[in-house]
Amino acid sequence: MAAKNTKKQRRIDDWTALHSSLANPEGRGQARLPRLPIRLASAIRSPGDVDLLDITFHTEVTDDGNRPSFTVYYDRPSPGPAQG
């Protein structure tokens, strides 16, 4: 027997975030953390009209040592109502 819908039924909306990752170039100097936040700040200032949602930090272990990176999650604002 199928369950009946109730007034307390929830609606789940689909939601997707755009993202971009940034790391130092591979090889010598890839682990230099002080350079990376400066590059990140520059990248955040230049993306245009976006809503910044989150920034995560990650370190990948490679044969050349640690390689830190940031991933920026963002969304483009919905267009407002047409003006006429």
N, C-alpha and C. Protein backbone atom coordinates (compact mmCIF):
# COMPACT_ATOMS: atom_id res chain seq x y z
N MET A 1 0.84 -1.16 0.00
CA MET A 1 0.00 0.00 0.00
C MET A 1 0.90 1.24 0.00
N ALA A 2 0.62 2.19 -0.87
CA ALA A 2 1.43 3.41 -1.00
C ALA A 2 1.10 4.40 0.11
N ALA A 3 2.14 5.10 0.58
CA ALA A 3 1.94 6.11 1.62
C ALA A 3 1.28 7.34 1.01
N LYS A 4 0.42 7.97 1.78
CA LYS A 4 -0.26 9.18 1.32
C LYS A 4 0.60 10.41 1.62
N ASN A 5 0.49 11.42 0.76
CA ASN A 5 1.19 12.68 1.01
C ASN A 5 0.55 13.39 2.19
N THR A 6 1.38 14.06 2.99
CA THR A 6 0.87 14.81 4.12
C THR A 6 1.22 16.28 3.94
N LYS A 7 0.63 17.14 4.78
CA LYS A 7 0.93 18.57 4.72
C LYS A 7 2.37 18.85 5.12
N LYS A 8 3.01 17.92 5.81
CA LYS A 8 4.39 18.12 6.26
C LYS A 8 5.42 17.65 5.23
N GLN A 9 4.97 17.32 4.03
CA GLN A 9 5.88 16.86 3.00
C GLN A 9 6.90 17.96 2.66
N ARG A 10 8.15 17.60 2.55
CA ARG A 10 9.20 18.57 2.25
C ARG A 10 9.50 18.59 0.76
N ARG A 11 9.92 19.76 0.30
CA ARG A 11 10.35 19.91 -1.08
C ARG A 11 11.87 20.09 -1.07
N ILE A 12 12.55 19.33 -1.88
CA ILE A 12 14.00 19.42 -1.97
C ILE A 12 14.34 20.07 -3.31
N ASP A 13 15.07 21.19 -3.24
CA ASP A 13 15.48 21.89 -4.45
C ASP A 13 16.86 21.41 -4.86
N ASP A 14 17.06 21.30 -6.17
CA ASP A 14 18.39 21.01 -6.69
C ASP A 14 19.22 22.27 -6.57
N TRP A 15 20.50 22.09 -6.27
CA TRP A 15 21.38 23.24 -6.13
C TRP A 15 22.78 22.83 -6.54
N THR A 16 23.39 23.65 -7.37
CA THR A 16 24.73 23.37 -7.87
C THR A 16 25.59 24.60 -7.68
N ALA A 17 26.84 24.41 -7.29
CA ALA A 17 27.79 25.51 -7.15
C ALA A 17 28.87 25.38 -8.22
N LEU A 18 29.27 26.49 -8.76
CA LEU A 18 30.41 26.52 -9.66
C LEU A 18 31.66 26.52 -8.81
N HIS A 19 32.78 26.08 -9.35
CA HIS A 19 34.01 26.09 -8.56
C HIS A 19 35.23 26.26 -9.46
N SER A 20 36.29 26.72 -8.83
CA SER A 20 37.57 26.89 -9.50
C SER A 20 38.66 26.63 -8.48
N SER A 21 39.71 25.92 -8.90
CA SER A 21 40.82 25.61 -7.99
C SER A 21 42.07 26.36 -8.41
N LEU A 22 42.91 26.66 -7.44
CA LEU A 22 44.13 27.41 -7.67
C LEU A 22 45.25 26.80 -6.85
N ALA A 23 46.38 26.52 -7.49
CA ALA A 23 47.56 25.98 -6.81
C ALA A 23 48.80 26.64 -7.41
N ASN A 24 49.91 26.57 -6.69
CA ASN A 24 51.16 27.03 -7.26
C ASN A 24 51.58 26.08 -8.38
N PRO A 25 52.36 26.57 -9.34
CA PRO A 25 52.82 25.69 -10.42
C PRO A 25 53.59 24.49 -9.85
N GLU A 26 53.47 23.34 -10.51
CA GLU A 26 54.17 22.14 -10.08
C GLU A 26 55.68 22.35 -10.14
N GLY A 27 56.39 21.65 -9.26
CA GLY A 27 57.84 21.71 -9.27
C GLY A 27 58.38 22.58 -8.15
N ARG A 28 59.55 23.13 -8.39
CA ARG A 28 60.22 23.94 -7.37
C ARG A 28 59.32 25.09 -6.92
N GLY A 29 59.13 25.21 -5.63
CA GLY A 29 58.32 26.29 -5.09
C GLY A 29 56.84 25.96 -4.95
N GLN A 30 56.43 24.75 -5.33
CA GLN A 30 55.00 24.40 -5.26
C GLN A 30 54.46 24.40 -3.85
N ALA A 31 55.32 24.22 -2.85
CA ALA A 31 54.87 24.16 -1.46
C ALA A 31 54.90 25.51 -0.77
N ARG A 32 55.30 26.56 -1.47
CA ARG A 32 55.39 27.89 -0.85
C ARG A 32 53.99 28.45 -0.60
N LEU A 33 53.54 28.27 0.61
CA LEU A 33 52.19 28.69 0.97
C LEU A 33 51.99 30.20 0.93
N PRO A 34 52.93 31.05 1.36
CA PRO A 34 52.67 32.49 1.37
C PRO A 34 52.30 33.07 -0.01
N ARG A 35 52.79 32.50 -1.08
CA ARG A 35 52.46 33.00 -2.42
C ARG A 35 51.01 32.71 -2.80
N LEU A 36 50.51 31.57 -2.34
CA LEU A 36 49.20 31.11 -2.78
C LEU A 36 48.04 32.00 -2.32
N PRO A 37 47.95 32.41 -1.05
CA PRO A 37 46.83 33.30 -0.66
C PRO A 37 46.86 34.64 -1.40
N ILE A 38 48.05 35.12 -1.75
CA ILE A 38 48.14 36.38 -2.52
C ILE A 38 47.54 36.17 -3.90
N ARG A 39 47.85 35.06 -4.53
CA ARG A 39 47.27 34.75 -5.84
C ARG A 39 45.76 34.53 -5.73
N LEU A 40 45.33 33.91 -4.63
CA LEU A 40 43.90 33.68 -4.42
C LEU A 40 43.16 35.01 -4.28
N ALA A 41 43.71 35.93 -3.50
CA ALA A 41 43.07 37.23 -3.32
C ALA A 41 42.93 37.95 -4.66
N SER A 42 43.93 37.87 -5.49
CA SER A 42 43.88 38.51 -6.81
C SER A 42 42.80 37.86 -7.67
N ALA A 43 42.69 36.55 -7.61
CA ALA A 43 41.68 35.84 -8.41
C ALA A 43 40.27 36.16 -7.94
N ILE A 44 40.08 36.32 -6.63
CA ILE A 44 38.75 36.62 -6.08
C ILE A 44 38.30 38.02 -6.49
N ARG A 45 39.24 38.95 -6.61
CA ARG A 45 38.87 40.32 -7.00
C ARG A 45 38.44 40.42 -8.45
N SER A 46 38.81 39.47 -9.28
CA SER A 46 38.58 39.62 -10.71
C SER A 46 37.52 38.73 -11.35
N PRO A 47 36.70 37.98 -10.61
CA PRO A 47 35.78 37.07 -11.30
C PRO A 47 34.54 37.73 -11.87
N GLY A 48 34.29 39.00 -11.57
CA GLY A 48 33.07 39.64 -12.05
C GLY A 48 31.96 39.53 -11.03
N ASP A 49 30.73 39.50 -11.50
CA ASP A 49 29.57 39.50 -10.64
C ASP A 49 29.23 38.07 -10.20
N VAL A 50 29.77 37.65 -9.05
CA VAL A 50 29.50 36.32 -8.52
C VAL A 50 29.21 36.42 -7.03
N ASP A 51 28.53 35.42 -6.52
CA ASP A 51 28.30 35.29 -5.08
C ASP A 51 29.28 34.24 -4.56
N LEU A 52 30.22 34.66 -3.73
CA LEU A 52 31.21 33.76 -3.16
C LEU A 52 30.53 32.91 -2.09
N LEU A 53 30.65 31.58 -2.19
CA LEU A 53 29.97 30.68 -1.27
C LEU A 53 30.91 30.06 -0.23
N ASP A 54 32.10 29.66 -0.67
CA ASP A 54 33.00 28.95 0.24
C ASP A 54 34.40 28.90 -0.38
N ILE A 55 35.40 28.78 0.48
CA ILE A 55 36.78 28.56 0.06
C ILE A 55 37.33 27.42 0.89
N THR A 56 37.88 26.40 0.24
CA THR A 56 38.47 25.29 0.96
C THR A 56 39.96 25.22 0.67
N PHE A 57 40.70 24.66 1.61
CA PHE A 57 42.15 24.50 1.49
C PHE A 57 42.46 23.01 1.47
N HIS A 58 43.37 22.62 0.59
CA HIS A 58 43.72 21.21 0.43
C HIS A 58 45.22 21.12 0.18
N THR A 59 45.85 20.06 0.66
CA THR A 59 47.26 19.81 0.36
C THR A 59 47.37 18.44 -0.29
N GLU A 60 47.89 18.43 -1.50
CA GLU A 60 48.14 17.18 -2.22
C GLU A 60 49.59 16.77 -1.96
N VAL A 61 49.80 15.51 -1.64
CA VAL A 61 51.15 15.00 -1.43
C VAL A 61 51.64 14.43 -2.76
N THR A 62 52.74 14.99 -3.29
CA THR A 62 53.30 14.56 -4.56
C THR A 62 54.73 14.08 -4.38
N ASP A 63 55.32 13.55 -5.43
CA ASP A 63 56.73 13.13 -5.38
C ASP A 63 57.65 14.31 -5.13
N ASP A 64 57.21 15.51 -5.51
CA ASP A 64 58.01 16.73 -5.31
C ASP A 64 57.71 17.41 -3.98
N GLY A 65 56.90 16.79 -3.12
CA GLY A 65 56.53 17.38 -1.83
C GLY A 65 55.08 17.82 -1.83
N ASN A 66 54.69 18.51 -0.79
CA ASN A 66 53.30 18.97 -0.66
C ASN A 66 53.00 20.04 -1.72
N ARG A 67 51.75 20.02 -2.20
CA ARG A 67 51.29 21.03 -3.15
C ARG A 67 49.94 21.56 -2.66
N PRO A 68 49.95 22.69 -1.94
CA PRO A 68 48.70 23.24 -1.42
C PRO A 68 47.85 23.85 -2.52
N SER A 69 46.54 23.85 -2.29
CA SER A 69 45.63 24.47 -3.25
C SER A 69 44.39 24.99 -2.52
N PHE A 70 43.73 25.93 -3.15
CA PHE A 70 42.44 26.44 -2.69
C PHE A 70 41.40 26.11 -3.75
N THR A 71 40.18 25.80 -3.32
CA THR A 71 39.06 25.69 -4.24
C THR A 71 38.03 26.72 -3.80
N VAL A 72 37.59 27.53 -4.75
CA VAL A 72 36.60 28.57 -4.50
C VAL A 72 35.28 28.11 -5.08
N TYR A 73 34.24 28.12 -4.26
CA TYR A 73 32.89 27.76 -4.71
C TYR A 73 32.08 29.04 -4.81
N TYR A 74 31.38 29.20 -5.93
CA TYR A 74 30.65 30.44 -6.17
C TYR A 74 29.41 30.18 -7.01
N ASP A 75 28.58 31.18 -7.11
CA ASP A 75 27.36 31.11 -7.92
C ASP A 75 27.20 32.44 -8.63
N ARG A 76 26.61 32.41 -9.77
CA ARG A 76 26.29 33.66 -10.47
C ARG A 76 24.90 34.10 -10.02
N PRO A 77 24.75 35.39 -9.67
CA PRO A 77 23.44 35.86 -9.21
C PRO A 77 22.38 35.70 -10.29
N SER A 78 21.16 35.41 -9.87
CA SER A 78 20.06 35.33 -10.82
C SER A 78 19.76 36.71 -11.36
N PRO A 79 19.42 36.81 -12.63
CA PRO A 79 19.05 38.13 -13.17
C PRO A 79 17.81 38.65 -12.47
N GLY A 80 17.80 39.92 -12.21
CA GLY A 80 16.64 40.56 -11.58
C GLY A 80 15.50 40.69 -12.57
N PRO A 81 14.37 41.17 -12.10
CA PRO A 81 13.23 41.34 -12.99
C PRO A 81 13.56 42.37 -14.09
N ALA A 82 13.03 42.13 -15.26
CA ALA A 82 13.28 43.04 -16.39
C ALA A 82 12.67 44.41 -16.08
N GLN A 83 13.44 45.42 -16.41
CA GLN A 83 12.94 46.79 -16.20
C GLN A 83 12.50 47.36 -17.54
N GLY A 84 11.41 48.07 -17.53
CA GLY A 84 10.91 48.55 -18.80
C GLY A 84 10.37 49.91 -18.79
